[in-house]
Amino acid sequence: MAIIEVNHITKRFDNKVVLDNISFDINKGDIYGLIGPNGAGKSTLINIITGILVSQSGDIVVDGYSVKKHPLEVKKRIGLVPQEIALMETVSAYENLEFFGALYHLKRDVLKKRINEVLELTGLEEQRKEKVKKFSGGMKRRLNLAVALLHHPEILIMDEPTVGIDPQSRNHIFEFVKTINKEKGTTILYTSHYMEEVELLCNELFIMDLGKEVASGEKEMVKSLAGGNKSVEIKALGLTKAIEDLLKEVEGVKACNRFEEHIDLTIEEKSFQLEKTMKILEQEQIKIKGINFKESSLEEVFLSLTGKSLRE
């Protein structure tokens, strides 16, 4: 059963189309991934779902309520974790939660109970009296999460929640998402331009680029859209831009990403010439430490469907 229905949303800023006829459904209890590079239109769509912006055409229905006709009913059902930190730096974590809880019109006894709940959920009990300006970026993100949960929303929208935080806080957020979804049945809309996050957390996906749909559906179905493509990881030292350019010209290589100690090739399995690839590396005096064939990742699926990297 769909708890969010996005129906033919189009949004323009002046003459620029930012969202072009976007439609998808999110079922109750899903962790739904909204994926795309920076500038794809993800945050604009989130702002329309939450009633911050209004679309030129189309509508969004949340738990049976139209965003355009019943915006307050929609807002009661949604908790938003915005991309930018939205907290008061000069007061404590507890005082931030008191302030935002009052905006939700929570009564004093209920609010006190909810504050204790969300501090425990986000692992901030010991920091409840500390001023937010002393918090790390990861702790601020977690407090933003706590604010969004105060009114027990049925739906949690998380807009790029791991941008600029340390690995420990990132993992804490991942575990939090899994827990709240499994134990409380919270429906989660998770936006990111980090494919590995979405691959780890989400069961349904909507991939967009330049305001348009690229692919959508169950995660494994979306990954199958890469057809016969696979990934080859070649571990080696001394990999240069020149070598990357040479490998891009090998028949069957659809994309090439170079890192410090390895290079990832997205290949068309039937036509890929491994022997020619090895010969190029040998001629360039590259010592190979290992070769690993893998199924395509979501990052590579995006490359296959759009011809560009997600982070371009």
Protein backbone atom coordinates (compact mmCIF):
# COMPACT_ATOMS: atom_id res chain seq x y z
CA MET A 1 0.00 0.00 0.00
CA ALA A 2 1.45 3.36 -1.06
CA ILE A 3 1.91 5.88 1.75
CA ILE A 4 3.48 8.47 -0.60
CA GLU A 5 2.26 8.96 -4.18
CA VAL A 6 4.26 11.34 -6.34
CA ASN A 7 2.12 12.11 -9.40
CA HIS A 8 3.55 13.87 -12.48
CA ILE A 9 5.50 16.57 -10.64
CA THR A 10 6.99 19.33 -12.76
CA LYS A 11 8.85 22.28 -11.27
CA ARG A 12 10.46 25.25 -13.02
CA PHE A 13 12.58 28.09 -11.71
CA ASP A 14 12.18 30.86 -14.28
CA ASN A 15 12.69 29.06 -17.60
CA LYS A 16 14.71 26.17 -16.16
CA VAL A 17 12.93 22.83 -15.70
CA VAL A 18 14.23 21.35 -12.42
CA LEU A 19 11.76 18.45 -12.20
CA ASP A 20 10.28 16.99 -15.36
CA ASN A 21 7.09 14.92 -14.90
CA ILE A 22 8.36 12.88 -11.93
CA SER A 23 6.15 10.01 -10.66
CA PHE A 24 6.68 7.15 -8.18
CA ASP A 25 5.01 5.46 -5.18
CA ILE A 26 6.53 4.60 -1.79
CA ASN A 27 4.92 1.73 0.10
CA LYS A 28 4.37 1.82 3.85
CA GLY A 29 7.38 0.39 5.69
CA ASP A 30 9.84 0.79 2.80
CA ILE A 31 13.30 2.32 2.94
CA TYR A 32 13.15 4.12 -0.38
CA GLY A 33 16.26 5.54 -2.03
CA LEU A 34 16.08 8.75 -4.04
CA ILE A 35 19.40 8.90 -5.88
CA GLY A 36 21.11 11.34 -8.17
CA PRO A 37 24.13 13.63 -8.48
CA ASN A 38 24.20 17.10 -6.99
CA GLY A 39 21.81 19.24 -9.01
CA ALA A 40 19.59 16.32 -10.04
CA GLY A 41 16.53 17.83 -8.33
CA LYS A 42 16.37 15.64 -5.21
CA SER A 43 16.16 18.46 -2.64
CA THR A 44 13.63 20.36 -4.75
CA LEU A 45 11.42 17.28 -4.81
CA ILE A 46 11.79 16.87 -1.03
CA ASN A 47 10.76 20.50 -0.56
CA ILE A 48 7.63 19.87 -2.63
CA ILE A 49 6.74 16.71 -0.68
CA THR A 50 7.05 18.61 2.60
CA GLY A 51 5.11 21.64 1.36
CA ILE A 52 8.02 24.09 1.36
CA LEU A 53 7.73 24.55 -2.41
CA VAL A 54 4.76 24.23 -4.77
CA SER A 55 5.00 22.45 -8.13
CA GLN A 56 3.72 23.96 -11.37
CA SER A 57 1.90 20.73 -12.20
CA GLY A 58 1.10 17.40 -10.57
CA ASP A 59 0.41 16.62 -6.92
CA ILE A 60 1.75 14.50 -4.06
CA VAL A 61 -0.51 12.44 -1.80
CA VAL A 62 0.80 11.45 1.66
CA ASP A 63 -1.25 8.90 3.59
CA GLY A 64 -4.33 9.93 1.62
CA TYR A 65 -3.82 13.70 1.95
CA SER A 66 -2.92 16.00 -0.93
CA VAL A 67 0.09 18.24 -0.24
CA LYS A 68 -1.61 21.07 -2.12
CA LYS A 69 -5.02 20.74 -0.44
CA HIS A 70 -4.09 19.53 3.08
CA PRO A 71 -0.48 20.65 3.78
CA LEU A 72 -0.88 20.63 7.60
CA GLU A 73 -2.15 17.04 7.63
CA VAL A 74 0.84 16.02 5.51
CA LYS A 75 3.31 17.80 7.82
CA LYS A 76 1.90 15.95 10.87
CA ARG A 77 2.94 12.67 9.27
CA ILE A 78 6.44 13.64 8.17
CA GLY A 79 9.70 14.12 10.01
CA LEU A 80 12.30 15.96 7.94
CA VAL A 81 16.06 15.73 8.39
CA PRO A 82 17.25 18.58 6.13
CA GLN A 83 20.50 18.64 4.20
CA GLU A 84 21.62 21.74 6.10
CA ILE A 85 21.96 21.59 9.90
CA ALA A 86 18.90 23.30 11.46
CA LEU A 87 19.73 23.79 15.14
CA MET A 88 20.36 26.58 17.67
CA GLU A 89 24.08 26.51 18.39
CA THR A 90 24.14 28.54 21.62
CA VAL A 91 21.84 26.31 23.70
CA SER A 92 21.98 22.67 24.77
CA ALA A 93 20.75 19.60 22.91
CA TYR A 94 17.91 19.26 25.43
CA GLU A 95 16.87 22.90 25.00
CA ASN A 96 16.85 22.49 21.22
CA LEU A 97 14.52 19.53 21.58
CA GLU A 98 12.28 21.47 23.99
CA PHE A 99 12.00 24.34 21.52
CA PHE A 100 11.20 22.19 18.49
CA GLY A 101 8.85 20.00 20.54
CA ALA A 102 6.85 23.09 21.45
CA LEU A 103 6.45 23.84 17.72
CA TYR A 104 4.81 20.42 17.41
CA HIS A 105 2.44 21.45 20.27
CA LEU A 106 3.54 18.52 22.43
CA LYS A 107 2.35 18.79 26.04
CA ARG A 108 5.02 19.10 28.73
CA ASP A 109 4.84 15.52 30.10
CA VAL A 110 4.66 14.00 26.61
CA LEU A 111 7.51 16.19 25.39
CA LYS A 112 9.77 15.20 28.29
CA LYS A 113 9.16 11.52 27.52
CA ARG A 114 9.74 12.00 23.79
CA ILE A 115 13.00 13.92 24.38
CA ASN A 116 14.36 11.07 26.47
CA GLU A 117 13.31 8.58 23.78
CA VAL A 118 14.98 10.40 20.89
CA LEU A 119 18.18 11.13 22.83
CA GLU A 120 18.48 7.41 23.53
CA LEU A 121 17.69 6.47 19.92
CA THR A 122 20.36 8.78 18.57
CA GLY A 123 22.96 8.01 21.23
CA LEU A 124 23.09 11.53 22.67
CA GLU A 125 21.92 10.93 26.26
CA GLU A 126 25.28 11.90 27.76
CA GLN A 127 25.46 15.10 25.71
CA ARG A 128 21.96 16.34 26.55
CA LYS A 129 23.24 19.36 28.55
CA GLU A 130 26.09 20.30 26.21
CA LYS A 131 25.77 23.33 23.95
CA VAL A 132 25.37 22.39 20.31
CA LYS A 133 28.28 24.62 19.22
CA LYS A 134 30.59 22.10 20.95
CA PHE A 135 29.18 19.16 18.95
CA SER A 136 31.00 17.50 16.07
CA GLY A 137 29.34 17.52 12.65
CA GLY A 138 28.17 13.95 13.18
CA MET A 139 26.60 14.74 16.56
CA LYS A 140 24.73 17.70 15.03
CA ARG A 141 23.39 15.41 12.32
CA ARG A 142 22.17 12.99 14.98
CA LEU A 143 20.50 15.81 16.92
CA ASN A 144 18.78 16.87 13.70
CA LEU A 145 17.47 13.31 13.51
CA ALA A 146 16.23 13.52 17.09
CA VAL A 147 14.31 16.72 16.30
CA ALA A 148 12.62 15.07 13.32
CA LEU A 149 11.42 12.16 15.47
CA LEU A 150 9.86 14.10 18.35
CA HIS A 151 6.29 13.90 17.04
CA HIS A 152 6.51 10.17 16.16
CA PRO A 153 6.17 10.66 12.39
CA GLU A 154 4.99 7.79 10.18
CA ILE A 155 7.44 8.93 7.51
CA LEU A 156 11.04 10.08 7.95
CA ILE A 157 12.63 12.01 5.09
CA MET A 158 16.43 12.15 5.24
CA ASP A 159 18.02 14.55 2.74
CA GLU A 160 21.75 13.75 2.34
CA PRO A 161 22.11 12.96 6.07
CA THR A 162 25.78 11.86 5.97
CA VAL A 163 27.34 14.81 4.12
CA GLY A 164 30.48 16.03 5.89
CA ILE A 165 30.47 13.63 8.84
CA ASP A 166 32.98 11.13 10.20
CA PRO A 167 32.75 7.36 9.47
CA GLN A 168 31.65 6.53 13.05
CA SER A 169 28.68 8.93 12.91
CA ARG A 170 27.87 7.69 9.41
CA ASN A 171 27.67 4.10 10.67
CA HIS A 172 25.57 5.24 13.63
CA ILE A 173 23.07 6.82 11.23
CA PHE A 174 22.96 3.62 9.14
CA GLU A 175 22.18 1.50 12.20
CA PHE A 176 19.59 4.04 13.34
CA VAL A 177 17.81 3.90 9.97
CA LYS A 178 17.66 0.09 10.07
CA THR A 179 16.45 0.05 13.68
CA ILE A 180 13.67 2.61 13.37
CA ASN A 181 12.42 0.96 10.19
CA LYS A 182 12.44 -2.57 11.64
CA GLU A 183 11.23 -1.88 15.18
CA LYS A 184 8.81 1.01 14.60
CA GLY A 185 7.80 0.38 11.00
CA THR A 186 8.76 3.92 10.00
CA THR A 187 8.71 4.55 6.25
CA ILE A 188 11.96 6.22 5.20
CA LEU A 189 12.75 8.29 2.12
CA TYR A 190 16.53 8.51 1.94
CA THR A 191 18.24 10.81 -0.55
CA SER A 192 21.91 10.58 -1.39
CA HIS A 193 24.49 10.91 -4.13
CA TYR A 194 26.50 8.14 -2.42
CA MET A 195 25.35 4.95 -4.17
CA GLU A 196 27.02 2.67 -1.62
CA GLU A 197 24.79 4.06 1.15
CA VAL A 198 21.62 3.45 -0.81
CA GLU A 199 22.79 0.00 -1.87
CA LEU A 200 23.30 -0.88 1.80
CA LEU A 201 20.02 0.52 3.16
CA CYS A 202 17.27 0.69 0.54
CA ASN A 203 14.97 -1.91 -0.99
CA GLU A 204 13.34 0.37 -3.60
CA LEU A 205 15.05 3.03 -5.71
CA PHE A 206 14.35 6.04 -7.89
CA ILE A 207 17.39 7.26 -9.82
CA MET A 208 17.21 10.73 -11.35
CA ASP A 209 19.47 13.06 -13.29
CA LEU A 210 18.86 16.62 -14.54
CA GLY A 211 15.31 16.51 -13.16
CA LYS A 212 14.31 13.37 -15.07
CA GLU A 213 13.81 9.72 -14.17
CA VAL A 214 16.72 7.46 -15.12
CA ALA A 215 15.42 4.23 -13.55
CA SER A 216 13.14 3.07 -10.73
CA GLY A 217 11.92 -0.10 -9.02
CA GLU A 218 13.24 -2.83 -6.74
CA LYS A 219 16.98 -2.57 -6.15
CA GLU A 220 17.92 -5.82 -7.88
CA MET A 221 15.71 -5.01 -10.85
CA VAL A 222 17.35 -1.60 -11.25
CA LYS A 223 20.80 -3.22 -11.08
CA SER A 224 19.78 -5.65 -13.82
CA LEU A 225 19.30 -2.69 -16.18
CA ALA A 226 23.04 -2.68 -16.71
CA GLY A 227 22.43 -5.78 -18.85
CA GLY A 228 25.57 -7.80 -19.41
CA ASN A 229 27.78 -5.26 -17.69
CA LYS A 230 30.11 -6.29 -14.89
CA SER A 231 32.92 -4.68 -12.98
CA VAL A 232 36.61 -5.52 -12.95
CA GLU A 233 38.81 -4.26 -10.13
CA ILE A 234 42.52 -4.26 -10.97
CA LYS A 235 44.80 -3.70 -7.98
CA ALA A 236 48.15 -2.13 -8.88
CA LEU A 237 50.55 0.69 -8.06
CA GLY A 238 51.58 3.55 -10.33
CA LEU A 239 48.26 3.94 -12.11
CA THR A 240 48.26 7.24 -13.98
CA LYS A 241 45.78 9.30 -15.97
CA ALA A 242 47.56 8.19 -19.15
CA ILE A 243 46.96 4.52 -18.29
CA GLU A 244 43.33 5.26 -17.47
CA ASP A 245 42.93 6.85 -20.93
CA LEU A 246 44.52 3.82 -22.61
CA LEU A 247 42.21 1.38 -20.80
CA LYS A 248 39.14 3.39 -21.79
CA GLU A 249 39.95 2.56 -25.42
CA VAL A 250 39.95 -1.23 -24.85
CA GLU A 251 37.01 -2.94 -26.56
CA GLY A 252 34.24 -3.77 -24.07
CA VAL A 253 35.27 -1.10 -21.51
CA LYS A 254 32.28 1.18 -20.90
CA ALA A 255 33.74 3.23 -18.04
CA CYS A 256 36.94 3.54 -16.07
CA ASN A 257 37.51 4.98 -12.57
CA ARG A 258 41.06 5.33 -11.23
CA PHE A 259 41.95 5.32 -7.54
CA GLU A 260 45.25 5.40 -5.66
CA GLU A 261 45.89 1.65 -5.62
CA HIS A 262 43.29 0.22 -7.99
CA ILE A 263 41.29 0.91 -11.11
CA ASP A 264 37.65 -0.08 -11.66
CA LEU A 265 36.44 -0.97 -15.14
CA THR A 266 32.78 -1.25 -16.05
CA ILE A 267 32.76 -3.81 -18.85
CA GLU A 268 30.44 -5.45 -21.33
CA GLU A 269 31.22 -9.05 -20.47
CA LYS A 270 30.81 -10.52 -23.99
CA SER A 271 33.15 -8.12 -25.76
CA PHE A 272 35.70 -7.25 -23.03
CA GLN A 273 39.31 -8.13 -23.93
CA LEU A 274 41.13 -9.03 -20.71
CA GLU A 275 44.27 -10.09 -22.60
CA LYS A 276 44.58 -6.67 -24.27
CA THR A 277 44.05 -4.94 -20.91
CA MET A 278 46.87 -6.98 -19.34
CA LYS A 279 49.14 -6.28 -22.29
CA ILE A 280 48.64 -2.51 -21.91
CA LEU A 281 49.49 -2.66 -18.20
CA GLU A 282 52.55 -4.83 -18.92
CA GLN A 283 53.80 -2.40 -21.59
CA GLU A 284 53.42 0.47 -19.11
CA GLN A 285 55.42 -1.57 -16.56
CA ILE A 286 52.53 -1.75 -14.09
CA LYS A 287 52.86 -4.51 -11.50
CA ILE A 288 49.44 -6.11 -10.98
CA LYS A 289 48.61 -7.21 -7.43
CA GLY A 290 45.21 -8.74 -8.15
CA ILE A 291 42.15 -8.87 -10.42
CA ASN A 292 38.60 -9.21 -9.16
CA PHE A 293 35.44 -9.64 -11.29
CA LYS A 294 32.21 -8.38 -9.62
CA GLU A 295 28.57 -7.79 -10.35
CA SER A 296 27.78 -4.19 -11.27
CA SER A 297 27.23 -1.77 -8.37
CA LEU A 298 24.57 0.94 -8.46
CA GLU A 299 27.32 3.45 -9.26
CA GLU A 300 28.21 1.41 -12.33
CA VAL A 301 24.54 1.04 -13.28
CA PHE A 302 24.28 4.84 -13.25
CA LEU A 303 27.37 5.05 -15.46
CA SER A 304 25.86 2.53 -17.86
CA LEU A 305 22.51 4.32 -18.10
CA THR A 306 23.74 7.93 -18.30
CA GLY A 307 27.30 7.68 -19.57
CA LYS A 308 28.64 9.69 -16.64
CA SER A 309 29.72 9.26 -13.04
CA LEU A 310 27.25 9.97 -10.26
CA ARG A 311 29.61 12.56 -8.78
CA GLU A 312 30.29 14.48 -11.99
